[in-house]
Amino acid sequence: MKKDVRVMNKIVLEFGLLVFSLSLIFFSQLGLGIGQTFLRSFVIFAVVTTMAGILALTFIRAINKASEEKGRRQADNLLGNENDE
């Protein structure tokens, strides 16, 4: 479980860095100053990384919840407890 979260966090961070790099290129092509370029790119990086992190956590929790329910149903079936809800 912990390994999956670390891998997901690494993917989110690398995606954020990709967006940061692309936004640096985009804003530098607009002819903005270096300070404005880095500031705008950092804001975009922070927003995208935060949103992707929240999405990843939600996704992981949904998968864990589904797998726990499936495991619970399988355990009930093995024990002979048939509960059709």
N, C-alpha and C. Protein backbone atom coordinates (compact mmCIF):
# COMPACT_ATOMS: atom_id res chain seq x y z
N MET A 1 0.83 -1.20 0.00
CA MET A 1 0.00 0.00 0.00
C MET A 1 0.87 1.25 0.00
N LYS A 2 1.85 1.31 0.89
CA LYS A 2 2.70 2.50 0.98
C LYS A 2 3.50 2.69 -0.31
N LYS A 3 3.92 1.58 -0.91
CA LYS A 3 4.70 1.68 -2.13
C LYS A 3 3.85 2.27 -3.26
N ASP A 4 2.59 1.87 -3.32
CA ASP A 4 1.69 2.40 -4.35
C ASP A 4 1.51 3.90 -4.21
N VAL A 5 1.40 4.37 -2.97
CA VAL A 5 1.21 5.80 -2.73
C VAL A 5 2.46 6.58 -3.12
N ARG A 6 3.63 6.03 -2.81
CA ARG A 6 4.87 6.71 -3.17
C ARG A 6 5.02 6.80 -4.68
N VAL A 7 4.67 5.73 -5.38
CA VAL A 7 4.76 5.74 -6.83
C VAL A 7 3.79 6.76 -7.40
N MET A 8 2.57 6.80 -6.86
CA MET A 8 1.57 7.76 -7.33
C MET A 8 2.03 9.19 -7.07
N ASN A 9 2.61 9.45 -5.89
CA ASN A 9 3.12 10.79 -5.59
C ASN A 9 4.25 11.19 -6.55
N LYS A 10 5.09 10.23 -6.88
CA LYS A 10 6.18 10.51 -7.82
C LYS A 10 5.63 10.86 -9.20
N ILE A 11 4.62 10.12 -9.63
CA ILE A 11 4.00 10.40 -10.93
C ILE A 11 3.37 11.78 -10.94
N VAL A 12 2.67 12.13 -9.86
CA VAL A 12 2.02 13.44 -9.76
C VAL A 12 3.07 14.55 -9.80
N LEU A 13 4.15 14.39 -9.06
CA LEU A 13 5.20 15.41 -9.05
C LEU A 13 5.86 15.54 -10.43
N GLU A 14 6.13 14.43 -11.07
CA GLU A 14 6.75 14.50 -12.40
C GLU A 14 5.80 15.13 -13.42
N PHE A 15 4.51 14.85 -13.30
CA PHE A 15 3.53 15.49 -14.18
C PHE A 15 3.51 17.00 -13.93
N GLY A 16 3.57 17.40 -12.66
CA GLY A 16 3.62 18.82 -12.33
C GLY A 16 4.86 19.50 -12.88
N LEU A 17 5.99 18.81 -12.82
CA LEU A 17 7.22 19.38 -13.37
C LEU A 17 7.15 19.50 -14.89
N LEU A 18 6.48 18.55 -15.52
CA LEU A 18 6.29 18.65 -16.97
C LEU A 18 5.44 19.88 -17.32
N VAL A 19 4.37 20.08 -16.58
CA VAL A 19 3.50 21.24 -16.80
C VAL A 19 4.28 22.53 -16.53
N PHE A 20 5.12 22.54 -15.48
CA PHE A 20 5.94 23.70 -15.17
C PHE A 20 6.88 24.02 -16.33
N SER A 21 7.52 23.00 -16.87
CA SER A 21 8.46 23.21 -17.99
C SER A 21 7.73 23.73 -19.23
N LEU A 22 6.59 23.15 -19.52
CA LEU A 22 5.83 23.60 -20.68
C LEU A 22 5.31 25.02 -20.50
N SER A 23 4.91 25.35 -19.27
CA SER A 23 4.43 26.72 -19.04
C SER A 23 5.59 27.72 -19.10
N LEU A 24 6.79 27.31 -18.70
CA LEU A 24 7.96 28.18 -18.87
C LEU A 24 8.17 28.50 -20.35
N ILE A 25 8.09 27.49 -21.17
CA ILE A 25 8.26 27.70 -22.62
C ILE A 25 7.16 28.60 -23.16
N PHE A 26 5.92 28.32 -22.76
CA PHE A 26 4.79 29.09 -23.26
C PHE A 26 4.91 30.56 -22.87
N PHE A 27 5.17 30.84 -21.59
CA PHE A 27 5.23 32.23 -21.14
C PHE A 27 6.47 32.96 -21.66
N SER A 28 7.56 32.24 -21.88
CA SER A 28 8.73 32.90 -22.44
C SER A 28 8.49 33.28 -23.90
N GLN A 29 7.67 32.51 -24.60
CA GLN A 29 7.33 32.84 -25.99
C GLN A 29 6.43 34.08 -26.07
N LEU A 30 5.73 34.37 -24.98
CA LEU A 30 4.88 35.57 -24.96
C LEU A 30 5.68 36.84 -24.77
N GLY A 31 6.95 36.70 -24.43
CA GLY A 31 7.81 37.86 -24.26
C GLY A 31 7.72 38.49 -22.88
N LEU A 32 7.23 37.74 -21.89
CA LEU A 32 7.18 38.26 -20.52
C LEU A 32 8.57 38.27 -19.92
N GLY A 33 8.73 39.06 -18.86
CA GLY A 33 10.01 39.10 -18.16
C GLY A 33 10.25 37.78 -17.45
N ILE A 34 11.50 37.56 -17.05
CA ILE A 34 11.86 36.28 -16.44
C ILE A 34 11.15 36.08 -15.09
N GLY A 35 10.98 37.17 -14.36
CA GLY A 35 10.28 37.07 -13.07
C GLY A 35 8.83 36.69 -13.24
N GLN A 36 8.15 37.36 -14.16
CA GLN A 36 6.74 37.04 -14.43
C GLN A 36 6.59 35.63 -14.97
N THR A 37 7.52 35.22 -15.81
CA THR A 37 7.47 33.88 -16.40
C THR A 37 7.57 32.81 -15.31
N PHE A 38 8.55 32.96 -14.41
CA PHE A 38 8.72 31.98 -13.35
C PHE A 38 7.56 32.03 -12.35
N LEU A 39 7.07 33.20 -12.04
CA LEU A 39 5.96 33.32 -11.10
C LEU A 39 4.71 32.65 -11.64
N ARG A 40 4.36 32.95 -12.87
CA ARG A 40 3.16 32.35 -13.47
C ARG A 40 3.33 30.83 -13.62
N SER A 41 4.51 30.40 -14.02
CA SER A 41 4.75 28.97 -14.17
C SER A 41 4.67 28.25 -12.83
N PHE A 42 5.19 28.86 -11.77
CA PHE A 42 5.14 28.24 -10.46
C PHE A 42 3.70 28.14 -9.96
N VAL A 43 2.90 29.18 -10.18
CA VAL A 43 1.49 29.14 -9.77
C VAL A 43 0.76 28.02 -10.49
N ILE A 44 1.00 27.90 -11.78
CA ILE A 44 0.37 26.82 -12.54
C ILE A 44 0.85 25.46 -12.04
N PHE A 45 2.15 25.34 -11.75
CA PHE A 45 2.70 24.10 -11.20
C PHE A 45 2.02 23.73 -9.89
N ALA A 46 1.88 24.70 -8.99
CA ALA A 46 1.28 24.44 -7.68
C ALA A 46 -0.17 24.00 -7.82
N VAL A 47 -0.92 24.68 -8.66
CA VAL A 47 -2.35 24.34 -8.83
C VAL A 47 -2.50 22.96 -9.47
N VAL A 48 -1.77 22.71 -10.53
CA VAL A 48 -1.90 21.43 -11.23
C VAL A 48 -1.45 20.27 -10.34
N THR A 49 -0.34 20.44 -9.62
CA THR A 49 0.16 19.38 -8.76
C THR A 49 -0.80 19.10 -7.61
N THR A 50 -1.36 20.15 -7.02
CA THR A 50 -2.32 19.97 -5.93
C THR A 50 -3.57 19.25 -6.42
N MET A 51 -4.09 19.68 -7.54
CA MET A 51 -5.30 19.05 -8.08
C MET A 51 -5.03 17.59 -8.47
N ALA A 52 -3.90 17.32 -9.08
CA ALA A 52 -3.56 15.94 -9.45
C ALA A 52 -3.36 15.08 -8.21
N GLY A 53 -2.77 15.65 -7.17
CA GLY A 53 -2.59 14.91 -5.92
C GLY A 53 -3.91 14.54 -5.28
N ILE A 54 -4.84 15.49 -5.27
CA ILE A 54 -6.17 15.22 -4.71
C ILE A 54 -6.87 14.15 -5.53
N LEU A 55 -6.78 14.25 -6.84
CA LEU A 55 -7.39 13.26 -7.71
C LEU A 55 -6.77 11.87 -7.49
N ALA A 56 -5.46 11.81 -7.35
CA ALA A 56 -4.78 10.53 -7.12
C ALA A 56 -5.18 9.92 -5.79
N LEU A 57 -5.25 10.73 -4.73
CA LEU A 57 -5.67 10.21 -3.43
C LEU A 57 -7.10 9.68 -3.47
N THR A 58 -7.97 10.40 -4.14
CA THR A 58 -9.35 9.95 -4.27
C THR A 58 -9.41 8.62 -5.02
N PHE A 59 -8.63 8.53 -6.09
CA PHE A 59 -8.59 7.31 -6.89
C PHE A 59 -8.08 6.13 -6.07
N ILE A 60 -7.00 6.33 -5.31
CA ILE A 60 -6.43 5.25 -4.49
C ILE A 60 -7.41 4.82 -3.41
N ARG A 61 -8.07 5.76 -2.76
CA ARG A 61 -9.04 5.40 -1.72
C ARG A 61 -10.22 4.64 -2.30
N ALA A 62 -10.67 5.01 -3.47
CA ALA A 62 -11.78 4.30 -4.11
C ALA A 62 -11.38 2.86 -4.43
N ILE A 63 -10.17 2.68 -4.92
CA ILE A 63 -9.69 1.33 -5.23
C ILE A 63 -9.57 0.50 -3.95
N ASN A 64 -9.01 1.10 -2.90
CA ASN A 64 -8.86 0.38 -1.64
C ASN A 64 -10.21 -0.01 -1.05
N LYS A 65 -11.17 0.90 -1.12
CA LYS A 65 -12.49 0.61 -0.58
C LYS A 65 -13.15 -0.53 -1.35
N ALA A 66 -13.03 -0.50 -2.67
CA ALA A 66 -13.62 -1.56 -3.49
C ALA A 66 -12.95 -2.91 -3.21
N SER A 67 -11.63 -2.91 -3.05
CA SER A 67 -10.94 -4.17 -2.80
C SER A 67 -11.26 -4.71 -1.40
N GLU A 68 -11.44 -3.83 -0.42
CA GLU A 68 -11.83 -4.28 0.92
C GLU A 68 -13.22 -4.89 0.91
N GLU A 69 -14.15 -4.27 0.21
CA GLU A 69 -15.50 -4.82 0.13
C GLU A 69 -15.50 -6.16 -0.59
N LYS A 70 -14.71 -6.28 -1.64
CA LYS A 70 -14.62 -7.54 -2.37
C LYS A 70 -14.03 -8.62 -1.47
N GLY A 71 -12.99 -8.29 -0.74
CA GLY A 71 -12.38 -9.24 0.18
C GLY A 71 -13.34 -9.67 1.28
N ARG A 72 -14.12 -8.72 1.77
CA ARG A 72 -15.11 -9.04 2.80
C ARG A 72 -16.18 -9.98 2.25
N ARG A 73 -16.64 -9.72 1.02
CA ARG A 73 -17.64 -10.61 0.39
C ARG A 73 -17.08 -12.00 0.17
N GLN A 74 -15.83 -12.08 -0.27
CA GLN A 74 -15.22 -13.39 -0.49
C GLN A 74 -15.06 -14.14 0.82
N ALA A 75 -14.68 -13.44 1.88
CA ALA A 75 -14.54 -14.09 3.18
C ALA A 75 -15.90 -14.59 3.67
N ASP A 76 -16.95 -13.80 3.48
CA ASP A 76 -18.28 -14.24 3.87
C ASP A 76 -18.71 -15.46 3.07
N ASN A 77 -18.38 -15.49 1.79
CA ASN A 77 -18.74 -16.65 0.96
C ASN A 77 -17.99 -17.90 1.40
N LEU A 78 -16.72 -17.74 1.78
CA LEU A 78 -15.95 -18.88 2.25
C LEU A 78 -16.48 -19.41 3.58
N LEU A 79 -16.96 -18.52 4.42
CA LEU A 79 -17.50 -18.92 5.72
C LEU A 79 -18.93 -19.43 5.62
N GLY A 80 -19.54 -19.23 4.48
CA GLY A 80 -20.90 -19.70 4.30
C GLY A 80 -21.95 -18.70 4.69
N ASN A 81 -21.55 -17.49 4.95
CA ASN A 81 -22.50 -16.43 5.29
C ASN A 81 -22.97 -15.76 4.02
N GLU A 82 -24.17 -16.04 3.62
CA GLU A 82 -24.73 -15.47 2.39
C GLU A 82 -25.58 -14.28 2.76
N ASN A 83 -25.05 -13.10 2.62
CA ASN A 83 -25.81 -11.86 2.88
C ASN A 83 -25.98 -11.12 1.59
N ASP A 84 -27.16 -11.19 1.00
CA ASP A 84 -27.44 -10.43 -0.20
C ASP A 84 -28.04 -9.10 0.20
N GLU A 85 -27.25 -8.05 0.05
CA GLU A 85 -27.72 -6.73 0.46
C GLU A 85 -28.22 -5.96 -0.73
